[in-house]
N, C-alpha and C. Protein backbone atom coordinates (compact mmCIF):
# COMPACT_ATOMS: atom_id res chain seq x y z
N UNK A 1 110.18 69.57 135.83
CA UNK A 1 109.43 70.37 134.14
C UNK A 1 108.35 69.91 134.30
N UNK A 2 107.95 71.46 133.78
CA UNK A 2 106.81 72.16 134.03
C UNK A 2 105.94 71.05 133.02
N UNK A 3 104.37 70.71 133.11
CA UNK A 3 103.39 69.70 132.73
C UNK A 3 103.33 70.35 131.09
N UNK A 4 102.84 69.37 130.64
CA UNK A 4 103.12 69.84 128.84
C UNK A 4 101.59 71.01 128.99
N UNK A 5 100.62 70.92 129.95
CA UNK A 5 99.17 71.94 129.54
C UNK A 5 100.52 73.02 130.05
N UNK A 6 101.20 73.71 130.80
CA UNK A 6 101.52 74.53 131.34
C UNK A 6 102.88 75.31 130.63
N UNK A 7 102.89 74.50 129.34
CA UNK A 7 103.97 74.58 128.52
C UNK A 7 103.37 75.14 127.12
N UNK A 8 102.22 74.57 127.04
CA UNK A 8 101.22 74.95 126.11
C UNK A 8 100.75 76.33 126.57
N UNK A 9 100.20 75.99 127.46
CA UNK A 9 100.10 78.04 127.83
C UNK A 9 100.57 78.70 127.55
N UNK A 10 102.31 78.37 128.50
CA UNK A 10 103.07 79.85 128.40
C UNK A 10 103.56 80.31 126.65
N UNK A 11 103.71 78.85 125.87
CA UNK A 11 103.88 79.26 124.92
C UNK A 11 102.41 80.03 124.10
N UNK A 12 101.46 79.80 124.31
CA UNK A 12 100.14 80.32 123.79
C UNK A 12 100.26 81.90 123.74
N UNK A 13 100.38 82.47 125.03
CA UNK A 13 100.44 83.66 125.79
C UNK A 13 101.84 84.30 125.26
N UNK A 14 103.33 83.75 124.97
CA UNK A 14 104.32 84.76 124.64
C UNK A 14 104.10 85.09 123.08
N UNK A 15 102.96 83.62 122.13
CA UNK A 15 102.77 84.04 120.82
C UNK A 15 101.66 85.50 120.96
N UNK A 16 101.36 84.60 121.53
CA UNK A 16 99.87 86.47 122.09
C UNK A 16 100.34 87.41 121.85
N UNK A 17 101.12 87.87 122.89
CA UNK A 17 101.95 88.73 123.11
C UNK A 17 102.85 89.08 121.46
N UNK A 18 103.69 88.36 121.35
CA UNK A 18 104.25 88.73 120.29
C UNK A 18 103.66 89.42 119.13
N UNK A 19 102.56 88.42 118.41
CA UNK A 19 101.70 89.26 117.43
C UNK A 19 101.00 89.92 118.05
N UNK A 20 100.50 90.53 119.20
CA UNK A 20 99.97 91.66 119.28
C UNK A 20 100.95 93.11 119.24
N UNK A 21 102.22 93.01 119.33
CA UNK A 21 103.19 93.79 119.28
C UNK A 21 103.61 94.25 118.11
N UNK A 22 103.53 96.23 117.79
CA UNK A 22 103.90 96.40 116.95
C UNK A 22 105.31 95.94 115.84
N UNK A 23 105.44 95.27 114.90
CA UNK A 23 106.52 95.39 114.12
C UNK A 23 107.34 96.90 113.72
N UNK A 24 108.16 96.87 114.03
CA UNK A 24 108.87 97.76 113.46
C UNK A 24 108.98 98.26 111.82
N UNK A 25 108.76 99.63 111.78
CA UNK A 25 108.44 100.01 110.48
C UNK A 25 109.73 100.36 109.55
N UNK A 26 109.80 100.99 108.68
CA UNK A 26 110.87 101.82 108.13
C UNK A 26 110.73 103.27 108.57
N UNK A 27 111.99 103.73 108.24
CA UNK A 27 112.47 105.15 108.76
C UNK A 27 111.29 106.00 107.90
N UNK A 28 111.08 105.38 106.59
CA UNK A 28 110.73 106.52 105.54
C UNK A 28 109.01 106.17 105.72
N UNK A 29 108.23 105.54 106.44
CA UNK A 29 107.05 105.50 107.03
C UNK A 29 106.61 106.67 108.21
N UNK A 30 105.53 107.55 107.72
CA UNK A 30 105.52 108.67 108.56
C UNK A 30 105.00 108.18 110.06
N UNK A 31 105.58 109.27 110.70
CA UNK A 31 105.50 108.51 111.97
C UNK A 31 103.61 109.75 113.02
N UNK A 32 103.13 108.26 113.06
CA UNK A 32 101.74 108.63 112.90
C UNK A 32 100.51 107.61 114.35
N UNK A 33 99.89 108.36 114.66
CA UNK A 33 99.63 107.19 116.03
C UNK A 33 98.42 106.32 114.90
N UNK A 34 98.36 105.25 114.70
CA UNK A 34 97.32 104.35 114.23
C UNK A 34 96.36 104.06 115.51
N UNK A 35 96.81 103.41 116.22
CA UNK A 35 95.85 102.53 116.94
C UNK A 35 94.87 103.41 117.23
N UNK A 36 95.65 104.77 118.01
CA UNK A 36 94.38 105.59 119.05
C UNK A 36 94.61 106.94 118.02
N UNK A 37 93.82 106.93 116.17
CA UNK A 37 94.15 108.15 116.07
C UNK A 37 93.60 109.40 116.79
N UNK A 38 93.86 110.72 116.24
CA UNK A 38 93.34 112.06 116.52
C UNK A 38 92.57 112.67 116.30
N UNK A 39 91.66 113.35 116.61
CA UNK A 39 90.57 113.57 115.90
C UNK A 39 91.74 115.26 115.20
N UNK A 40 91.18 115.17 113.33
CA UNK A 40 92.05 116.26 112.81
C UNK A 40 91.54 117.09 112.66
N UNK A 41 92.11 118.51 112.45
CA UNK A 41 92.11 119.41 112.98
C UNK A 41 90.87 120.37 111.47
N UNK A 42 90.01 120.89 111.44
CA UNK A 42 89.73 121.67 110.06
C UNK A 42 90.26 122.02 109.21
N UNK A 43 91.30 122.55 109.86
CA UNK A 43 92.36 123.01 108.40
C UNK A 43 93.40 121.99 107.79
N UNK A 44 93.80 120.48 108.55
CA UNK A 44 94.22 119.20 108.12
C UNK A 44 93.09 118.94 107.23
N UNK A 45 92.13 119.02 107.78
CA UNK A 45 90.67 117.81 106.71
C UNK A 45 90.30 118.94 105.59
N UNK A 46 90.50 119.82 105.71
CA UNK A 46 90.46 121.02 104.29
C UNK A 46 91.31 120.77 103.25
N UNK A 47 92.82 120.75 103.85
CA UNK A 47 94.00 120.10 103.48
C UNK A 47 94.25 119.39 102.78
N UNK A 48 93.52 117.65 103.26
CA UNK A 48 93.73 116.70 102.74
C UNK A 48 92.25 117.14 102.00
N UNK A 49 91.28 117.35 101.79
CA UNK A 49 90.78 117.44 100.77
C UNK A 49 90.91 118.21 99.74
N UNK A 50 91.95 118.75 99.45
CA UNK A 50 92.34 119.83 98.12
C UNK A 50 91.97 118.28 96.94
N UNK A 51 92.24 119.08 96.10
CA UNK A 51 92.49 118.47 94.87
C UNK A 51 93.77 117.89 94.38
N UNK A 52 95.02 119.02 94.77
CA UNK A 52 96.10 118.31 94.55
C UNK A 52 96.55 117.20 95.57
N UNK A 53 96.14 116.95 96.43
CA UNK A 53 96.62 115.98 97.46
C UNK A 53 96.17 114.17 96.91
N UNK A 54 97.20 113.21 96.13
CA UNK A 54 96.83 112.42 95.76
C UNK A 54 96.32 111.34 96.56
N UNK A 55 96.82 111.49 97.61
CA UNK A 55 96.08 110.32 98.70
C UNK A 55 95.91 111.03 100.70
N UNK A 56 94.21 111.00 100.26
CA UNK A 56 93.83 111.58 101.18
C UNK A 56 94.61 110.24 102.47
N UNK A 57 94.13 109.74 102.69
CA UNK A 57 94.63 108.94 104.02
C UNK A 57 95.87 108.77 104.73
N UNK A 58 96.39 108.93 103.59
CA UNK A 58 97.93 108.99 103.57
C UNK A 58 97.95 110.29 104.76
N UNK A 59 96.96 111.63 103.70
CA UNK A 59 97.36 112.88 104.37
C UNK A 59 97.04 112.78 105.96
N UNK A 60 95.85 112.35 105.92
CA UNK A 60 95.36 112.53 107.41
C UNK A 60 96.32 111.71 108.04
N UNK A 61 96.86 110.34 108.14
CA UNK A 61 97.36 109.92 109.21
C UNK A 61 98.89 110.77 109.07
N UNK A 62 99.28 110.80 107.91
CA UNK A 62 100.86 111.98 108.14
C UNK A 62 100.55 113.24 109.23
N UNK A 63 99.51 113.77 109.10
CA UNK A 63 98.96 114.78 109.92
C UNK A 63 98.63 114.88 111.27
N UNK A 64 98.36 113.62 112.10
CA UNK A 64 98.04 113.35 112.87
C UNK A 64 98.43 113.62 114.26
N UNK A 65 99.81 114.25 114.45
CA UNK A 65 100.27 114.57 115.48
C UNK A 65 99.58 115.85 116.08
N UNK A 66 99.88 115.61 117.78
CA UNK A 66 99.24 116.68 118.04
C UNK A 66 99.55 118.01 117.48
N UNK A 67 101.21 118.16 117.79
CA UNK A 67 101.55 119.45 116.85
C UNK A 67 100.74 120.02 115.85
N UNK A 68 100.72 118.98 114.89
CA UNK A 68 100.47 119.38 113.77
C UNK A 68 98.69 119.74 113.51
N UNK A 69 98.11 119.10 114.65
CA UNK A 69 96.52 119.41 114.61
C UNK A 69 96.49 120.90 115.30
N UNK A 70 97.41 121.06 115.88
CA UNK A 70 97.09 122.29 116.96
C UNK A 70 97.80 123.26 115.93
N UNK A 71 98.48 123.15 114.58
CA UNK A 71 98.27 124.41 113.97
C UNK A 71 97.59 125.07 113.89
N UNK A 72 97.47 126.82 113.98
CA UNK A 72 96.98 127.96 114.11
C UNK A 72 96.70 128.01 112.72
N UNK A 73 97.08 128.32 111.72
CA UNK A 73 96.91 128.57 110.62
C UNK A 73 97.69 128.02 109.33
N UNK A 74 97.23 128.54 107.97
CA UNK A 74 97.62 127.72 107.02
C UNK A 74 99.21 127.88 107.06
N UNK A 75 99.97 128.66 107.21
CA UNK A 75 101.41 129.31 107.06
C UNK A 75 101.96 128.31 107.92
N UNK A 76 101.64 128.11 109.45
CA UNK A 76 102.07 126.98 110.70
C UNK A 76 101.98 125.43 109.99
N UNK A 77 100.53 125.49 108.82
CA UNK A 77 100.76 124.21 108.81
C UNK A 77 101.53 123.50 107.91
N UNK A 78 101.55 124.53 106.88
CA UNK A 78 102.96 124.96 105.21
C UNK A 78 103.91 123.83 106.02
N UNK A 79 104.41 124.83 107.44
CA UNK A 79 105.57 125.03 107.23
C UNK A 79 105.89 123.68 108.48
N UNK A 80 104.84 123.12 108.95
CA UNK A 80 104.80 121.36 109.53
C UNK A 80 105.49 120.36 108.69
N UNK A 81 104.10 120.47 107.40
CA UNK A 81 104.62 119.76 106.66
C UNK A 81 105.81 119.62 105.19
N UNK A 82 106.42 120.92 105.16
CA UNK A 82 107.33 121.13 105.04
C UNK A 82 109.12 120.58 105.39
N UNK A 83 108.38 120.35 106.77
CA UNK A 83 109.40 119.93 107.57
C UNK A 83 109.20 118.03 107.59
N UNK A 84 107.99 117.65 107.67
CA UNK A 84 108.01 116.13 107.41
C UNK A 84 108.65 115.71 106.23
N UNK A 85 108.04 116.54 105.06
CA UNK A 85 108.35 116.41 103.86
C UNK A 85 109.84 115.91 104.03
N UNK A 86 110.93 116.84 104.28
CA UNK A 86 112.42 117.20 104.50
C UNK A 86 112.83 115.93 105.40
N UNK A 87 111.96 115.44 106.72
CA UNK A 87 112.50 114.52 107.26
C UNK A 87 112.11 113.07 106.19
N UNK A 88 110.81 112.77 105.93
CA UNK A 88 111.07 111.98 105.04
C UNK A 88 111.72 112.04 104.08
N UNK A 89 112.43 112.39 103.15
CA UNK A 89 113.26 112.32 102.20
C UNK A 89 114.65 112.20 102.85
N UNK A 90 115.10 112.70 103.78
CA UNK A 90 116.53 112.48 105.02
C UNK A 90 116.37 110.94 104.92
N UNK A 91 115.46 110.35 105.76
CA UNK A 91 115.14 109.28 105.72
C UNK A 91 115.13 108.10 104.54
N UNK A 92 115.14 108.68 103.74
CA UNK A 92 114.76 108.09 102.00
C UNK A 92 116.11 108.02 101.52
N UNK A 93 116.54 109.28 101.66
CA UNK A 93 118.17 109.18 101.25
C UNK A 93 118.79 107.94 101.68
N UNK A 94 118.35 107.96 103.17
CA UNK A 94 119.29 107.24 104.15
C UNK A 94 119.37 106.07 103.50
N UNK A 95 118.00 105.62 103.11
CA UNK A 95 117.93 104.10 102.73
C UNK A 95 118.59 103.63 101.24
N UNK A 96 118.67 104.65 100.42
CA UNK A 96 118.88 105.03 98.77
C UNK A 96 120.71 104.47 99.28
N UNK A 97 121.23 105.64 100.23
CA UNK A 97 122.84 105.31 100.38
C UNK A 97 123.18 103.76 101.25
N UNK A 98 122.02 103.48 101.79
CA UNK A 98 122.49 101.69 102.07
C UNK A 98 122.50 100.79 101.50
N UNK A 99 121.62 101.06 100.36
CA UNK A 99 121.63 100.14 99.44
C UNK A 99 122.60 99.90 98.24
N UNK A 100 123.27 101.52 98.21
CA UNK A 100 124.06 101.67 97.54
C UNK A 100 124.84 101.10 97.65
N UNK A 101 125.79 100.90 99.08
CA UNK A 101 127.02 100.07 99.51
C UNK A 101 126.80 98.72 98.94
N UNK A 102 125.36 97.93 99.02
CA UNK A 102 125.00 96.18 98.96
C UNK A 102 125.37 96.15 96.91
N UNK A 103 124.97 96.83 96.32
CA UNK A 103 124.44 96.68 94.85
C UNK A 103 125.34 96.77 94.56
N UNK A 104 126.43 96.07 93.12
CA UNK A 104 127.47 95.92 92.33
C UNK A 104 127.26 96.43 90.93
N UNK A 105 125.62 96.59 90.51
CA UNK A 105 126.15 96.79 89.00
C UNK A 105 125.85 98.22 88.61
N UNK A 106 126.48 98.28 87.43
CA UNK A 106 126.63 99.87 87.74
C UNK A 106 125.49 100.27 86.87
N UNK A 107 124.84 99.75 86.29
CA UNK A 107 123.81 100.34 85.89
C UNK A 107 122.83 100.76 87.11
N UNK A 108 122.17 99.26 87.81
CA UNK A 108 121.93 99.97 89.61
C UNK A 108 122.10 101.45 89.74
N UNK A 109 123.61 101.12 90.13
CA UNK A 109 124.28 102.25 90.86
C UNK A 109 124.27 103.23 90.06
N UNK A 110 123.98 103.89 89.03
CA UNK A 110 124.16 104.77 88.22
C UNK A 110 122.52 105.22 88.47
N UNK A 111 121.76 104.43 88.42
CA UNK A 111 120.01 104.67 88.52
C UNK A 111 120.55 104.87 90.64
N UNK A 112 120.73 104.60 90.90
CA UNK A 112 120.64 104.78 92.66
C UNK A 112 121.23 106.11 92.87
N UNK A 113 122.18 106.55 92.61
CA UNK A 113 123.01 107.92 92.40
C UNK A 113 122.04 108.69 91.87
N UNK A 114 121.48 108.80 91.04
CA UNK A 114 120.20 109.40 90.62
C UNK A 114 119.34 109.65 91.54
N UNK A 115 118.65 108.95 91.98
CA UNK A 115 117.92 108.72 93.13
C UNK A 115 118.68 109.99 94.12
N UNK A 116 119.55 109.10 94.79
CA UNK A 116 120.54 110.19 95.81
C UNK A 116 120.21 111.15 95.29
N UNK A 117 120.61 111.76 94.37
CA UNK A 117 120.63 113.60 93.80
C UNK A 117 119.60 113.99 94.03
N UNK A 118 118.11 113.11 93.37
CA UNK A 118 117.15 113.59 93.74
C UNK A 118 116.11 113.73 94.95
N UNK A 119 116.81 113.50 95.76
CA UNK A 119 116.49 113.51 97.00
C UNK A 119 117.57 114.32 97.64
N UNK A 120 118.36 114.56 97.93
CA UNK A 120 119.31 115.73 98.17
C UNK A 120 118.41 117.19 97.79
N UNK A 121 118.09 116.74 96.58
CA UNK A 121 117.08 118.25 96.08
C UNK A 121 116.13 118.64 96.82
N UNK A 122 115.33 117.38 97.28
CA UNK A 122 114.03 117.15 97.54
C UNK A 122 114.78 117.71 98.65
N UNK A 123 115.34 117.16 99.94
CA UNK A 123 115.39 117.85 101.12
C UNK A 123 115.69 119.65 101.05
N UNK A 124 116.19 120.08 100.06
CA UNK A 124 116.78 121.00 99.62
C UNK A 124 115.60 122.21 100.01
N UNK A 125 115.38 121.71 99.11
CA UNK A 125 113.55 122.54 98.30
C UNK A 125 112.68 122.21 99.40
N UNK A 126 112.83 121.16 100.14
CA UNK A 126 111.68 121.08 101.22
C UNK A 126 112.04 122.48 102.41
N UNK A 127 113.18 122.14 102.58
CA UNK A 127 113.83 123.35 104.19
C UNK A 127 113.56 124.24 103.26
N UNK A 128 113.57 125.35 102.10
CA UNK A 128 114.18 126.36 100.77
C UNK A 128 112.63 126.97 101.20
N UNK A 129 111.56 125.95 101.21
CA UNK A 129 109.70 126.48 100.71
C UNK A 129 109.45 126.60 102.63
N UNK A 130 109.94 125.85 103.44
CA UNK A 130 109.62 126.56 104.83
C UNK A 130 109.72 127.85 105.23
N UNK A 131 110.86 128.85 104.61
CA UNK A 131 111.17 129.82 104.52
C UNK A 131 110.68 130.74 103.64
N UNK A 132 110.32 130.48 102.45
CA UNK A 132 109.79 131.39 101.61
C UNK A 132 107.56 131.59 101.96
N UNK A 133 107.22 130.66 102.55
CA UNK A 133 105.90 130.28 102.68
C UNK A 133 105.40 131.43 103.45
N UNK A 134 105.78 132.51 103.59
CA UNK A 134 105.37 133.83 104.63
C UNK A 134 105.97 134.61 103.41
N UNK A 135 107.17 135.16 103.21
CA UNK A 135 107.20 135.60 101.67
C UNK A 135 106.40 135.50 100.60
N UNK A 136 106.49 134.24 100.10
CA UNK A 136 106.27 134.68 98.35
C UNK A 136 106.03 133.08 98.63
N UNK A 137 104.61 132.93 98.75
CA UNK A 137 104.03 131.47 98.78
C UNK A 137 104.10 130.94 96.87
N UNK A 138 104.01 132.06 96.48
CA UNK A 138 103.76 131.66 94.75
C UNK A 138 105.33 130.67 94.48
N UNK A 139 106.28 130.85 94.64
CA UNK A 139 107.65 130.98 94.68
C UNK A 139 107.88 129.54 95.64
N UNK A 140 107.14 129.49 96.22
CA UNK A 140 107.04 128.00 97.34
C UNK A 140 106.61 127.08 96.66
N UNK A 141 105.29 127.53 96.10
CA UNK A 141 104.36 126.53 95.42
C UNK A 141 105.60 125.65 94.02
N UNK A 142 105.75 126.66 93.77
CA UNK A 142 106.88 126.40 91.94
C UNK A 142 107.85 125.38 93.14
N UNK A 143 108.32 125.55 94.19
CA UNK A 143 109.46 125.08 94.54
C UNK A 143 109.45 123.83 94.55
N UNK A 144 108.23 123.31 95.16
CA UNK A 144 107.47 122.09 95.42
C UNK A 144 107.23 121.52 94.89
N UNK A 145 106.48 121.99 93.68
CA UNK A 145 106.06 121.64 92.53
C UNK A 145 107.44 120.50 91.81
N UNK A 146 108.57 121.73 91.84
CA UNK A 146 109.37 120.83 91.12
C UNK A 146 110.75 119.74 91.51
N UNK A 147 110.00 119.53 93.04
CA UNK A 147 110.24 118.14 93.66
C UNK A 147 109.73 116.79 92.45
N UNK A 148 108.79 117.26 92.41
CA UNK A 148 107.71 115.76 91.53
C UNK A 148 108.66 115.16 90.40
N UNK A 149 108.63 116.36 89.42
CA UNK A 149 109.58 115.14 88.19
C UNK A 149 110.95 114.90 88.62
N UNK A 150 111.55 115.55 89.55
CA UNK A 150 112.49 115.01 90.06
C UNK A 150 112.99 113.00 90.90
N UNK A 151 111.63 113.04 91.52
CA UNK A 151 111.36 111.67 92.10
C UNK A 151 110.70 110.61 90.94
N UNK A 152 110.09 111.67 89.94
CA UNK A 152 109.33 110.31 88.93
C UNK A 152 110.52 110.09 88.21
N UNK A 153 111.77 110.70 87.58
CA UNK A 153 112.98 110.87 87.06
C UNK A 153 113.91 109.57 87.50
N UNK A 154 113.93 109.59 89.30
CA UNK A 154 114.20 108.78 89.82
C UNK A 154 113.04 107.06 89.81
N UNK A 155 112.51 107.24 89.87
CA UNK A 155 111.44 106.00 89.69
C UNK A 155 112.01 105.14 88.22
N UNK A 156 111.88 106.06 87.14
CA UNK A 156 112.14 105.86 85.98
C UNK A 156 113.76 105.08 85.85
N UNK A 157 114.39 105.75 86.36
CA UNK A 157 116.00 105.11 85.97
C UNK A 157 115.97 104.11 86.89
N UNK A 158 115.43 103.43 87.99
CA UNK A 158 115.52 102.94 88.84
C UNK A 158 114.78 101.26 88.23
N UNK A 159 113.06 101.52 87.52
CA UNK A 159 112.81 100.61 86.67
C UNK A 159 113.62 100.12 85.71
N UNK A 160 114.29 101.60 84.70
CA UNK A 160 115.06 101.00 83.81
C UNK A 160 116.01 99.80 84.45
N UNK A 161 116.68 100.37 85.06
CA UNK A 161 118.02 99.14 85.89
C UNK A 161 117.44 98.31 86.55
N UNK A 162 116.46 97.71 85.86
CA UNK A 162 115.84 96.91 86.71
C UNK A 162 115.94 96.18 88.56
N UNK A 163 116.34 97.76 89.27
CA UNK A 163 116.49 97.37 90.98
C UNK A 163 114.77 97.46 91.99
N UNK A 164 115.14 96.24 92.16
CA UNK A 164 113.93 95.68 93.22
C UNK A 164 114.19 95.83 94.79
N UNK A 165 113.28 97.06 95.03
CA UNK A 165 113.33 97.13 95.89
C UNK A 165 112.43 97.97 96.73
N UNK A 166 111.76 97.29 97.32
CA UNK A 166 110.28 97.60 97.43
C UNK A 166 109.96 98.79 98.95
N UNK A 167 111.45 98.62 99.90
CA UNK A 167 111.56 100.09 100.53
C UNK A 167 111.65 101.75 99.40
N UNK A 168 112.54 101.45 98.97
CA UNK A 168 112.69 102.80 97.82
C UNK A 168 111.47 103.06 97.08
N UNK A 169 110.36 102.00 97.02
CA UNK A 169 109.15 102.43 95.87
C UNK A 169 108.63 102.45 96.53
N UNK A 170 108.27 102.84 98.40
CA UNK A 170 107.38 103.05 98.82
C UNK A 170 107.82 104.18 99.36
N UNK A 171 109.23 104.76 99.11
CA UNK A 171 109.47 105.74 99.88
C UNK A 171 109.62 106.79 98.37
N UNK A 172 109.52 106.45 97.71
CA UNK A 172 109.20 107.68 96.28
C UNK A 172 107.66 107.79 96.08
N UNK A 173 106.89 106.98 96.78
CA UNK A 173 105.65 106.86 96.90
C UNK A 173 105.09 107.93 98.03
N UNK A 174 106.03 107.58 98.75
CA UNK A 174 105.36 108.88 100.20
C UNK A 174 106.00 109.95 99.67
N UNK A 175 107.22 110.59 99.16
CA UNK A 175 107.32 111.52 98.30
C UNK A 175 106.82 112.50 97.41
N UNK A 176 105.80 112.03 97.05
CA UNK A 176 105.13 112.09 96.01
C UNK A 176 103.88 112.65 96.78
N UNK A 177 103.24 112.06 97.69
CA UNK A 177 102.19 112.28 98.23
C UNK A 177 102.77 113.24 99.63
N UNK A 178 103.87 113.68 100.18
CA UNK A 178 104.59 115.14 100.73
C UNK A 178 104.57 115.94 99.92
N UNK A 179 105.01 116.07 98.27
CA UNK A 179 105.00 116.83 97.26
C UNK A 179 103.27 117.54 97.05
N UNK A 180 102.53 116.62 97.16
CA UNK A 180 101.49 116.63 96.37
C UNK A 180 100.99 117.87 97.89
N UNK A 181 100.82 117.22 98.71
CA UNK A 181 100.55 117.89 99.98
C UNK A 181 101.10 119.25 100.22
N UNK A 182 102.77 119.66 99.68
CA UNK A 182 103.26 120.47 99.71
C UNK A 182 102.47 121.57 98.67
N UNK A 183 102.39 121.28 97.69
CA UNK A 183 101.63 122.05 96.45
C UNK A 183 99.99 122.47 96.87
N UNK A 184 99.60 121.40 97.54
CA UNK A 184 98.21 121.61 98.09
C UNK A 184 98.21 123.30 99.16
N UNK A 185 99.00 123.14 100.28
CA UNK A 185 99.66 124.22 100.99
C UNK A 185 99.78 125.27 100.51
N UNK A 186 100.67 125.65 99.46
CA UNK A 186 101.11 126.38 98.62
C UNK A 186 100.47 126.95 98.27
N UNK A 187 99.50 126.56 97.07
CA UNK A 187 98.49 127.22 96.41
C UNK A 187 97.11 127.66 97.65
N UNK A 188 96.57 126.92 98.65
CA UNK A 188 96.14 127.67 99.50
C UNK A 188 96.55 129.06 99.55
N UNK A 189 97.83 128.60 100.37
CA UNK A 189 98.30 130.34 100.79
C UNK A 189 98.39 131.37 99.76
N UNK A 190 98.73 131.03 98.17
CA UNK A 190 98.65 131.34 97.60
C UNK A 190 97.32 132.89 97.14
N UNK A 191 96.20 131.63 97.31
CA UNK A 191 94.56 132.11 97.21
C UNK A 191 94.43 132.98 98.38
N UNK A 192 94.91 132.67 99.74
CA UNK A 192 94.81 133.26 100.85
C UNK A 192 95.26 134.96 100.41
N UNK A 193 96.31 135.20 100.03
CA UNK A 193 96.64 136.12 99.91
C UNK A 193 97.28 136.81 98.48
N UNK A 194 96.19 136.96 97.98
CA UNK A 194 96.22 137.34 96.13
C UNK A 194 96.98 138.41 95.81
N UNK A 195 96.06 139.32 97.17
CA UNK A 195 96.87 140.79 96.27
C UNK A 195 98.90 141.13 96.75
N UNK A 196 99.21 140.29 97.45
CA UNK A 196 100.79 140.40 98.19
C UNK A 196 101.92 139.66 96.99
N UNK A 197 101.48 139.89 96.04
CA UNK A 197 102.57 138.78 95.28
C UNK A 197 102.47 139.80 93.73
């Protein structure tokens, strides 16, 4: 058997490696390289400084992938934001569906089903806005803006039903951030092309 000092050393090394390894994150957290942040493009910087953006740090983190930083214009950046918003909505919808299977309270079930519908709507809206960005930024702006009240209603239903689910609250918060980023980019597109609509 190994001497106690060697056993302690092995244990310390194991615990050090374990504590330094990244913990798994929820699917609803945006995929961003936190340990080695990439420099953001001027397009991303300008967007994240916009008045409508609710959380600048979240915006910069969510938009830190090389593909997004390489966006050449506002329309391309907008399309990528809508894809991120739709992906986030799908991941959050999956969490809602997972929780529905576990809860039995009729009031909680009603609230969760309300949220499921809100997230289905959000997914469709984000996907639809991607195609509207070029043709009609004004309509795209409206379609992004109306996601917000749906998510707010979802939150109200969860609170009224006393549903305690931190992952759902985080998903709702992130969705609000994506909506604010989507609203900012569509507003920017409207300003860039004022005479076309």
